[in-house]
Amino acid sequence: MVINREVCVVADTVGAEPVERGRVLQVALCSEGVKGIKAGLRTFPVDKLLVIHTPQITPLVNELLGQLSEALELETEAVQISSPRFDEVLDVLSTALKANLTKFDDVYVNLSEGDKLFSCSALAVCFLFGVKAYYIMDDSPYVFPIVRLGYQKILPEAKLNILQVLAKVGGGVASLEELSELTGYDKAQLSYHINGAPDSRGLATLGLVSVEKGARGRLSIRLTTQGKILLMSGV
């Protein structure tokens, strides 16, 4: 199989010398087959292929990566995902992107071989990070427009600080007192920002944190998936 490692040419500058492209990471979903992955490697530049796959297709993925590593000396990596649901795709794909974004000049995410839920979940994560996503259809690529989401801009600083503190301590705290110590806000201020008031919707109302009453009336506060997404949208 031939993969695309061509140089990029500045097409709109007459007489310009070819410019060596930067390093490119391709992330490919795999739950149905590898034909679309191979087509993506022929279509777009690649220096490393990272395949995120479901368990049942592991043997096929291992075979493909073995062939690519031996025949083409292409850097490869495989990450298994147990479910194509958004929560897990968010965790796995965002971790992979964060680990590689500083090592590569460009990133493409190939959605072609993911099932519907897998591909939709991954596309949403691509929007969060502002990376290119594409789908091979009839041997031709469709590249999705880059949509860079920035939900953080619409949230007041105090509420954003609370979310960031929760993220730093693993996603939640066991009591309002603990959160007060971590943030520097008193309990009245925290109650305002979490529960809201007539003039302001709280983090719980917005679905960014969940609040549960435990022993002795203590309130545990945890980041929700929506809260994690909001924080990631500022990456």
Protein backbone atom coordinates (compact mmCIF):
# COMPACT_ATOMS: atom_id res chain seq x y z
CA MET A 1 0.00 0.00 0.00
CA VAL A 2 1.27 3.47 -0.89
CA ILE A 3 0.91 6.14 1.75
CA ASN A 4 1.03 9.90 1.24
CA ARG A 5 4.31 11.44 2.40
CA GLU A 6 4.54 14.12 -0.26
CA VAL A 7 5.84 17.65 0.20
CA CYS A 8 3.37 20.51 0.24
CA VAL A 9 3.64 23.06 -2.59
CA VAL A 10 2.59 26.69 -2.22
CA ALA A 11 0.21 26.69 -5.17
CA ASP A 12 -0.71 30.38 -5.23
CA THR A 13 2.88 31.69 -5.39
CA VAL A 14 4.46 31.63 -8.85
CA GLY A 15 7.94 30.12 -8.83
CA ALA A 16 7.79 29.17 -5.16
CA GLU A 17 9.99 26.31 -4.02
CA PRO A 18 8.27 23.22 -2.56
CA VAL A 19 7.97 23.52 1.20
CA GLU A 20 8.50 20.46 3.35
CA ARG A 21 5.36 19.80 5.31
CA GLY A 22 5.37 19.40 9.07
CA ARG A 23 4.81 16.14 10.92
CA VAL A 24 1.27 14.78 10.58
CA LEU A 25 -0.66 12.53 12.95
CA GLN A 26 -3.61 10.56 11.66
CA VAL A 27 -6.05 9.21 14.24
CA ALA A 28 -8.39 6.56 12.83
CA LEU A 29 -11.50 5.03 14.36
CA CYS A 30 -11.97 1.32 13.81
CA SER A 31 -15.02 -0.77 14.65
CA GLU A 32 -16.05 -2.07 11.24
CA GLY A 33 -12.98 -2.64 9.03
CA VAL A 34 -9.75 -1.11 7.73
CA LYS A 35 -10.55 -0.20 4.11
CA GLY A 36 -11.35 3.41 5.01
CA ILE A 37 -8.18 3.66 7.10
CA LYS A 38 -6.03 2.53 4.16
CA ALA A 39 -7.80 5.01 1.88
CA GLY A 40 -7.10 7.79 4.37
CA LEU A 41 -3.40 6.94 4.42
CA ARG A 42 -3.31 7.19 0.62
CA THR A 43 -5.20 10.47 0.63
CA PHE A 44 -3.58 12.53 3.39
CA PRO A 45 0.01 12.89 4.64
CA VAL A 46 0.96 10.76 7.65
CA ASP A 47 3.94 10.25 9.95
CA LYS A 48 2.12 8.40 12.70
CA LEU A 49 -1.11 6.40 12.69
CA LEU A 50 -3.02 6.04 15.95
CA VAL A 51 -5.98 3.66 15.76
CA ILE A 52 -8.74 3.82 18.38
CA HIS A 53 -10.66 0.58 18.10
CA THR A 54 -13.36 -1.57 19.68
CA PRO A 55 -12.42 -4.96 21.20
CA GLN A 56 -13.93 -7.25 18.57
CA ILE A 57 -11.73 -5.88 15.80
CA THR A 58 -8.41 -6.06 17.67
CA PRO A 59 -6.88 -8.88 15.53
CA LEU A 60 -7.54 -6.96 12.30
CA VAL A 61 -6.06 -3.77 13.77
CA ASN A 62 -2.94 -5.59 14.96
CA GLU A 63 -2.48 -7.15 11.53
CA LEU A 64 -2.79 -3.77 9.80
CA LEU A 65 -0.38 -2.00 12.14
CA GLY A 66 2.13 -4.83 11.85
CA GLN A 67 2.08 -4.53 8.06
CA LEU A 68 2.48 -0.75 8.16
CA SER A 69 5.32 -0.82 10.68
CA GLU A 70 7.32 -3.46 8.81
CA ALA A 71 6.72 -2.50 5.20
CA LEU A 72 6.55 1.28 5.46
CA GLU A 73 8.40 2.03 8.71
CA LEU A 74 5.38 4.05 9.80
CA GLU A 75 5.04 4.89 13.48
CA THR A 76 1.86 3.28 14.80
CA GLU A 77 -0.14 3.00 18.01
CA ALA A 78 -3.40 1.29 18.98
CA VAL A 79 -5.77 2.21 21.80
CA GLN A 80 -8.72 -0.02 22.67
CA ILE A 81 -12.02 1.51 23.69
CA SER A 82 -14.69 -0.50 25.46
CA SER A 83 -17.67 1.55 24.30
CA PRO A 84 -18.41 4.04 21.50
CA ARG A 85 -20.50 6.14 23.90
CA PHE A 86 -19.55 9.79 24.07
CA ASP A 87 -18.17 9.77 27.63
CA GLU A 88 -15.52 7.18 26.84
CA VAL A 89 -14.70 8.51 23.39
CA LEU A 90 -14.23 11.94 24.97
CA ASP A 91 -11.78 10.55 27.55
CA VAL A 92 -9.79 8.35 25.15
CA LEU A 93 -9.62 10.67 22.14
CA SER A 94 -8.95 13.82 24.16
CA THR A 95 -6.13 12.03 26.03
CA ALA A 96 -4.62 10.91 22.72
CA LEU A 97 -4.86 14.39 21.23
CA LYS A 98 -3.35 16.10 24.27
CA ALA A 99 -0.45 13.64 24.28
CA ASN A 100 0.33 14.25 20.61
CA LEU A 101 -0.66 17.81 19.72
CA THR A 102 2.72 19.27 20.70
CA LYS A 103 4.60 16.57 18.76
CA PHE A 104 2.88 17.10 15.42
CA ASP A 105 2.20 20.08 13.21
CA ASP A 106 -1.13 18.80 11.93
CA VAL A 107 -3.74 16.24 12.98
CA TYR A 108 -6.40 14.44 10.96
CA VAL A 109 -9.10 12.23 12.48
CA ASN A 110 -10.44 9.55 10.11
CA LEU A 111 -14.06 8.71 10.96
CA SER A 112 -14.57 6.28 8.07
CA GLU A 113 -14.43 2.96 9.92
CA GLY A 114 -16.27 3.89 13.10
CA ASP A 115 -19.91 2.94 13.59
CA LYS A 116 -22.47 5.75 13.74
CA LEU A 117 -22.26 6.41 17.48
CA PHE A 118 -18.45 6.11 17.51
CA SER A 119 -18.03 8.54 14.61
CA CYS A 120 -20.54 11.07 15.96
CA SER A 121 -18.87 11.03 19.37
CA ALA A 122 -15.42 11.50 17.85
CA LEU A 123 -16.60 14.34 15.61
CA ALA A 124 -17.91 16.20 18.65
CA VAL A 125 -14.48 15.84 20.30
CA CYS A 126 -12.81 17.14 17.13
CA PHE A 127 -14.96 20.26 17.37
CA LEU A 128 -13.81 20.76 20.96
CA PHE A 129 -10.15 20.64 19.95
CA GLY A 130 -10.50 22.33 16.57
CA VAL A 131 -8.84 19.48 14.65
CA LYS A 132 -9.60 18.24 11.13
CA ALA A 133 -11.95 15.30 10.73
CA TYR A 134 -12.73 13.50 7.49
CA TYR A 135 -14.77 10.62 6.09
CA ILE A 136 -13.88 8.53 3.04
CA MET A 137 -16.95 8.15 0.83
CA ASP A 138 -16.71 6.36 -2.54
CA ASP A 139 -12.90 6.60 -2.32
CA SER A 140 -13.10 10.38 -1.96
CA PRO A 141 -12.57 12.31 1.29
CA TYR A 142 -15.14 14.61 2.79
CA VAL A 143 -13.40 16.99 5.20
CA PHE A 144 -15.63 18.44 7.90
CA PRO A 145 -15.36 22.19 8.55
CA ILE A 146 -13.32 23.03 11.62
CA VAL A 147 -15.64 24.32 14.33
CA ARG A 148 -13.71 25.67 17.32
CA LEU A 149 -16.05 25.77 20.29
CA GLY A 150 -15.39 28.25 23.10
CA TYR A 151 -18.00 27.75 25.78
CA GLN A 152 -15.67 29.12 28.46
CA LYS A 153 -16.16 32.64 27.14
CA ILE A 154 -19.81 32.73 28.23
CA LEU A 155 -19.20 31.61 31.82
CA PRO A 156 -18.38 34.09 34.63
CA GLU A 157 -14.86 33.81 36.04
CA ALA A 158 -15.96 32.65 39.51
CA LYS A 159 -17.99 29.74 38.11
CA LEU A 160 -15.15 28.80 35.78
CA ASN A 161 -12.71 28.82 38.71
CA ILE A 162 -14.92 26.38 40.62
CA LEU A 163 -15.02 23.99 37.66
CA GLN A 164 -11.25 24.18 37.24
CA VAL A 165 -10.68 23.41 40.92
CA LEU A 166 -12.99 20.39 40.72
CA ALA A 167 -11.07 19.13 37.69
CA LYS A 168 -7.72 19.51 39.47
CA VAL A 169 -8.83 17.38 42.44
CA GLY A 170 -10.07 14.52 40.30
CA GLY A 171 -13.54 15.72 39.41
CA GLY A 172 -15.28 16.22 42.73
CA VAL A 173 -15.26 17.02 46.45
CA ALA A 174 -17.03 15.40 49.38
CA SER A 175 -18.34 18.58 50.98
CA LEU A 176 -18.98 22.28 50.52
CA GLU A 177 -16.42 22.94 53.25
CA GLU A 178 -13.72 21.18 51.24
CA LEU A 179 -14.59 23.16 48.13
CA SER A 180 -14.50 26.38 50.16
CA GLU A 181 -10.95 25.64 51.30
CA LEU A 182 -9.84 24.84 47.77
CA THR A 183 -11.41 27.86 46.07
CA GLY A 184 -11.25 30.56 48.73
CA TYR A 185 -14.97 31.27 48.34
CA ASP A 186 -17.17 31.11 51.43
CA LYS A 187 -20.15 28.75 51.59
CA ALA A 188 -22.65 31.49 50.74
CA GLN A 189 -20.73 32.40 47.59
CA LEU A 190 -20.41 28.76 46.60
CA SER A 191 -24.12 28.20 47.12
CA TYR A 192 -24.83 31.17 44.86
CA HIS A 193 -22.54 29.95 42.08
CA ILE A 194 -23.61 26.30 42.33
CA ASN A 195 -27.35 26.56 43.02
CA GLY A 196 -27.98 29.90 41.37
CA ALA A 197 -30.37 32.72 42.19
CA PRO A 198 -33.18 34.61 40.43
CA ASP A 199 -30.60 36.75 38.63
CA SER A 200 -28.12 33.99 37.77
CA ARG A 201 -28.28 30.31 36.82
CA GLY A 202 -26.04 28.10 38.93
CA LEU A 203 -23.57 25.46 37.81
CA ALA A 204 -25.98 22.71 38.86
CA THR A 205 -28.85 24.30 36.94
CA LEU A 206 -26.62 24.59 33.89
CA GLY A 207 -25.80 20.88 34.16
CA LEU A 208 -22.08 21.51 34.68
CA VAL A 209 -21.93 19.96 38.17
CA SER A 210 -24.01 17.43 40.06
CA VAL A 211 -24.87 17.85 43.74
CA GLU A 212 -25.74 14.97 46.07
CA LYS A 213 -26.68 15.08 49.74
CA GLY A 214 -24.72 12.60 51.83
CA ALA A 215 -24.28 11.78 55.51
CA ARG A 216 -25.05 14.55 57.99
CA GLY A 217 -26.42 16.71 55.19
CA ARG A 218 -23.05 17.17 53.52
CA LEU A 219 -23.21 18.08 49.84
CA SER A 220 -20.83 16.35 47.45
CA ILE A 221 -20.15 18.24 44.23
CA ARG A 222 -18.87 16.61 41.05
CA LEU A 223 -18.13 17.70 37.51
CA THR A 224 -20.57 16.34 34.93
CA THR A 225 -19.65 15.37 31.38
CA GLN A 226 -20.93 18.77 30.26
CA GLY A 227 -18.60 20.40 32.77
CA LYS A 228 -15.63 18.47 31.42
CA ILE A 229 -16.57 19.46 27.87
CA LEU A 230 -16.72 23.12 28.80
CA LEU A 231 -13.22 23.00 30.30
CA MET A 232 -11.86 21.14 27.27
CA SER A 233 -13.34 23.72 24.91
CA GLY A 234 -10.69 26.17 26.10
CA VAL A 235 -7.75 23.84 25.38
